[in-house]
Amino acid sequence: METEGDSRTGDSHLVTKLRQGDEAAFVALIARHHTSMVRVATLYVRDHEVAEEIAQDAWLAVLQGLDRFEARSSFKTWIFRILTNRARTRGVRDQRVVPFAMLQGDDPTPDRSVDPDRFFPAGHEDAGHWSFPPRSWEGAPEARLLADETGAHIAAAIAALPEGQRAVITLRDVEGWSAAEVCHVLDLTETNQRVLLHRARSQVRGALACYLGDD
C-alpha cells in the first residue's frame, strides 16, 4: 500500500505539472484517486452512478479551484474535502443519509461493542477481564481468511454499520488513510474518530468471529 508520505510527494509533483498545463498529470491524478473517490462518495449516496457523477463533479471543481490550493494540507485531503462536501450535500438532499455533523457525538449511552457476558462480573476477583477471550485467528488456514466468501462477510458487516462507523472504518482500514486525514475530511475530533473506529472494528470482528465459528 502506498504510504501517506509517498502519496503526498507523488501528488505534489503531479500538481506542479498540472499547473504547467500537463494534461497527462491530470490523467495520472485521476488514476491515483478516482476509484477511492467513488467509493467514499458511496458512503453518502448508495447509487454507484450517482457516486460516479459526484466524483466527476469534484474533479471539475479541482480544476477550477487549483489556483486556490495552497498546500496547507495534502492534495489528497484537499480533493477529498471537495468530494465529501458535494457528496454530503447530495446525500442530504436525496434524504439517503444523516449529515456526519449529527453523528460526531453518537449515543451518549452506546451499545457495548463486546458482549458483557464474555467478561468476569463485578465481585469476581478477575472482574472486568475476559472470561471467554476471543479466539486467535493465527492458526486459521490462510486460504480461508483470504477467501472471497470471507471478504464478502467483512464487506457486509461494514455495510451494516451505522453511518459514522462505516465511514471511519472504510477510510482507515479499507482506504488506508491516517487518523489525521479522516478527522480532517469528515470534520471529526480525534476522540470521536478513535471511538467510531473502535466500535466499527469491534462489530466487524464480532461478525467475522461468528462466521469463523468463534461463538
Protein backbone atom coordinates (compact mmCIF):
# COMPACT_ATOMS: atom_id res chain seq x y z
CA MET A 1 0.00 0.00 0.00
CA GLU A 2 1.27 3.47 -0.86
CA THR A 3 2.09 5.43 2.28
CA GLU A 4 0.76 8.90 3.06
CA GLY A 5 4.23 10.34 2.52
CA ASP A 6 4.64 8.63 -0.84
CA SER A 7 1.22 9.83 -1.94
CA ARG A 8 1.89 13.40 -0.89
CA THR A 9 5.25 13.51 -2.67
CA GLY A 10 3.85 12.00 -5.86
CA ASP A 11 0.76 14.21 -5.84
CA SER A 12 2.87 17.33 -5.31
CA HIS A 13 4.92 16.56 -8.40
CA LEU A 14 1.80 15.91 -10.48
CA VAL A 15 0.11 19.09 -9.25
CA THR A 16 3.16 21.10 -10.27
CA LYS A 17 2.98 19.52 -13.73
CA LEU A 18 -0.76 20.15 -13.92
CA ARG A 19 -0.28 23.82 -13.14
CA GLN A 20 2.14 23.92 -16.05
CA GLY A 21 -0.62 22.65 -18.32
CA ASP A 22 0.45 19.00 -18.45
CA GLU A 23 -2.76 17.07 -19.20
CA ALA A 24 -1.02 13.75 -18.57
CA ALA A 25 -0.55 14.83 -14.93
CA PHE A 26 -4.31 15.22 -14.56
CA VAL A 27 -4.85 11.76 -16.02
CA ALA A 28 -2.32 10.36 -13.55
CA LEU A 29 -4.07 12.05 -10.61
CA ILE A 30 -7.38 10.59 -11.72
CA ALA A 31 -5.79 7.14 -11.95
CA ARG A 32 -4.48 7.55 -8.40
CA HIS A 33 -7.62 8.78 -6.68
CA HIS A 34 -10.79 8.34 -8.73
CA THR A 35 -11.69 4.81 -7.62
CA SER A 36 -11.32 5.78 -3.96
CA MET A 37 -13.33 8.95 -4.54
CA VAL A 38 -16.23 6.97 -5.93
CA ARG A 39 -16.01 4.53 -3.02
CA VAL A 40 -16.05 7.37 -0.50
CA ALA A 41 -18.99 9.03 -2.28
CA THR A 42 -20.98 5.82 -1.77
CA LEU A 43 -20.76 6.45 1.98
CA TYR A 44 -23.23 9.27 1.38
CA VAL A 45 -25.21 8.02 -1.61
CA ARG A 46 -25.90 4.35 -2.29
CA ASP A 47 -26.30 4.53 -6.07
CA HIS A 48 -22.97 3.88 -7.81
CA GLU A 49 -23.88 6.01 -10.82
CA VAL A 50 -24.66 8.96 -8.55
CA ALA A 51 -21.34 8.43 -6.73
CA GLU A 52 -19.55 8.43 -10.09
CA GLU A 53 -21.30 11.67 -11.01
CA ILE A 54 -20.25 13.26 -7.72
CA ALA A 55 -16.63 12.21 -8.26
CA GLN A 56 -16.60 13.69 -11.76
CA ASP A 57 -18.10 16.91 -10.42
CA ALA A 58 -15.39 17.02 -7.76
CA TRP A 59 -12.67 16.67 -10.38
CA LEU A 60 -14.16 19.61 -12.28
CA ALA A 61 -14.08 21.64 -9.07
CA VAL A 62 -10.45 20.62 -8.57
CA LEU A 63 -9.51 22.01 -11.96
CA GLN A 64 -11.48 25.19 -11.41
CA GLY A 65 -10.03 25.74 -7.94
CA LEU A 66 -6.45 24.55 -8.45
CA ASP A 67 -5.05 28.08 -8.13
CA ARG A 68 -6.55 28.26 -4.63
CA PHE A 69 -4.78 25.12 -3.44
CA GLU A 70 -2.03 26.39 -1.12
CA ALA A 71 -0.68 23.00 0.01
CA ARG A 72 -1.50 23.67 3.67
CA SER A 73 -2.77 20.10 3.69
CA SER A 74 -2.03 17.25 1.31
CA PHE A 75 -3.56 17.40 -2.15
CA LYS A 76 -5.40 14.17 -1.40
CA THR A 77 -7.02 15.67 1.69
CA TRP A 78 -7.97 18.77 -0.29
CA ILE A 79 -9.67 16.90 -3.12
CA PHE A 80 -11.48 14.57 -0.73
CA ARG A 81 -12.81 17.54 1.23
CA ILE A 82 -14.23 18.83 -2.05
CA LEU A 83 -15.68 15.40 -2.78
CA THR A 84 -17.23 14.83 0.64
CA ASN A 85 -18.79 18.30 0.72
CA ARG A 86 -20.54 17.59 -2.57
CA ALA A 87 -21.44 14.03 -1.62
CA ARG A 88 -22.81 15.11 1.76
CA THR A 89 -24.95 17.81 0.14
CA ARG A 90 -26.28 15.35 -2.44
CA GLY A 91 -26.94 12.69 0.18
CA VAL A 92 -28.84 15.03 2.46
CA ARG A 93 -30.80 16.43 -0.47
CA ASP A 94 -31.78 12.93 -1.52
CA GLN A 95 -32.52 12.07 2.12
CA ARG A 96 -30.36 8.98 1.91
CA VAL A 97 -28.01 9.70 4.81
CA VAL A 98 -27.76 11.64 8.07
CA PRO A 99 -25.26 14.54 8.00
CA PHE A 100 -22.00 13.50 9.65
CA ALA A 101 -22.16 16.55 11.90
CA MET A 102 -25.07 14.80 13.65
CA LEU A 103 -23.04 11.64 14.17
CA GLN A 104 -19.99 13.04 15.97
CA GLY A 105 -21.39 12.66 19.44
CA ASP A 106 -23.11 9.34 18.81
CA ASP A 107 -25.34 7.94 21.51
CA PRO A 108 -24.08 9.01 24.97
CA THR A 109 -25.02 5.51 26.19
CA PRO A 110 -23.93 3.39 23.23
CA ASP A 111 -24.38 -0.34 22.95
CA ARG A 112 -21.38 -2.28 24.17
CA SER A 113 -19.16 -3.36 21.32
CA VAL A 114 -18.42 -6.68 23.06
CA ASP A 115 -20.95 -8.92 24.82
CA PRO A 116 -20.56 -8.23 28.59
CA ASP A 117 -21.08 -11.95 29.25
CA ARG A 118 -17.57 -12.51 27.91
CA PHE A 119 -16.11 -10.73 30.97
CA PHE A 120 -15.99 -11.79 34.63
CA PRO A 121 -18.78 -9.97 36.53
CA ALA A 122 -18.43 -7.39 39.29
CA GLY A 123 -17.39 -9.03 42.54
CA HIS A 124 -15.25 -11.66 40.85
CA GLU A 125 -11.52 -11.49 41.61
CA ASP A 126 -10.88 -11.03 37.89
CA ALA A 127 -13.81 -8.64 37.31
CA GLY A 128 -13.50 -6.79 34.03
CA HIS A 129 -11.14 -9.35 32.49
CA TRP A 130 -12.04 -11.84 29.77
CA SER A 131 -13.89 -14.94 30.96
CA PHE A 132 -14.12 -16.06 27.34
CA PRO A 133 -11.40 -14.30 25.32
CA PRO A 134 -11.58 -14.01 21.53
CA ARG A 135 -10.08 -16.98 19.75
CA SER A 136 -6.84 -16.21 17.97
CA TRP A 137 -7.11 -16.48 14.18
CA GLU A 138 -3.40 -17.03 13.71
CA GLY A 139 -3.89 -20.75 13.20
CA ALA A 140 -6.75 -20.40 10.74
CA PRO A 141 -5.89 -21.60 7.25
CA GLU A 142 -4.67 -18.63 5.20
CA ALA A 143 -6.81 -19.66 2.26
CA ARG A 144 -9.92 -19.41 4.40
CA LEU A 145 -9.08 -15.96 5.75
CA LEU A 146 -8.34 -14.69 2.27
CA ALA A 147 -11.27 -16.39 0.57
CA ASP A 148 -13.74 -14.31 -1.39
CA GLU A 149 -16.53 -15.52 0.86
CA THR A 150 -14.75 -14.20 3.94
CA GLY A 151 -14.18 -10.89 2.19
CA ALA A 152 -17.87 -10.74 1.37
CA HIS A 153 -18.76 -11.28 5.04
CA ILE A 154 -16.42 -8.45 6.05
CA ALA A 155 -17.89 -6.14 3.40
CA ALA A 156 -21.42 -6.98 4.54
CA ALA A 157 -20.50 -6.32 8.17
CA ILE A 158 -19.07 -2.93 7.24
CA ALA A 159 -22.13 -2.08 5.14
CA ALA A 160 -24.39 -2.85 8.12
CA LEU A 161 -22.61 -0.40 10.43
CA PRO A 162 -24.08 2.99 11.40
CA GLU A 163 -23.10 5.78 9.02
CA GLY A 164 -20.30 7.28 11.10
CA GLN A 165 -18.68 3.96 11.94
CA ARG A 166 -18.92 2.79 8.35
CA ALA A 167 -17.23 5.94 7.07
CA VAL A 168 -14.35 5.83 9.52
CA ILE A 169 -13.54 2.12 9.13
CA THR A 170 -13.79 2.40 5.34
CA LEU A 171 -11.32 5.26 5.23
CA ARG A 172 -8.96 3.85 7.86
CA ASP A 173 -8.96 0.12 7.11
CA VAL A 174 -10.10 -0.12 3.50
CA GLU A 175 -8.54 3.02 2.03
CA GLY A 176 -5.58 3.05 4.41
CA TRP A 177 -5.93 6.68 5.50
CA SER A 178 -4.26 8.12 8.58
CA ALA A 179 -6.31 9.23 11.59
CA ALA A 180 -5.45 12.87 10.85
CA GLU A 181 -6.73 12.61 7.28
CA VAL A 182 -10.00 11.06 8.40
CA CYS A 183 -10.54 13.72 11.06
CA HIS A 184 -9.88 16.50 8.57
CA VAL A 185 -12.08 15.17 5.79
CA LEU A 186 -15.01 14.08 7.99
CA ASP A 187 -14.78 17.03 10.43
CA LEU A 188 -14.28 14.72 13.41
CA THR A 189 -12.28 15.23 16.57
CA GLU A 190 -9.51 12.73 17.23
CA THR A 191 -11.51 11.31 20.14
CA ASN A 192 -14.64 10.81 18.05
CA GLN A 193 -12.63 9.24 15.25
CA ARG A 194 -10.99 6.82 17.67
CA VAL A 195 -14.29 5.85 19.32
CA LEU A 196 -16.07 5.31 16.00
CA LEU A 197 -13.18 3.23 14.68
CA HIS A 198 -13.06 1.09 17.83
CA ARG A 199 -16.79 0.40 17.70
CA ALA A 200 -16.67 -0.37 13.99
CA ARG A 201 -13.73 -2.74 14.31
CA SER A 202 -15.37 -4.50 17.27
CA GLN A 203 -18.60 -5.02 15.35
CA VAL A 204 -16.82 -6.29 12.26
CA ARG A 205 -14.57 -8.55 14.33
CA GLY A 206 -17.62 -9.95 16.08
CA ALA A 207 -19.35 -10.67 12.78
CA LEU A 208 -16.24 -12.34 11.42
CA ALA A 209 -15.78 -14.35 14.63
CA CYS A 210 -19.29 -15.75 14.23
CA TYR A 211 -18.55 -16.66 10.62
CA LEU A 212 -15.32 -18.40 11.61
CA GLY A 213 -17.04 -20.31 14.40
CA ASP A 214 -15.83 -18.29 17.41
CA ASP A 215 -19.27 -18.14 19.04
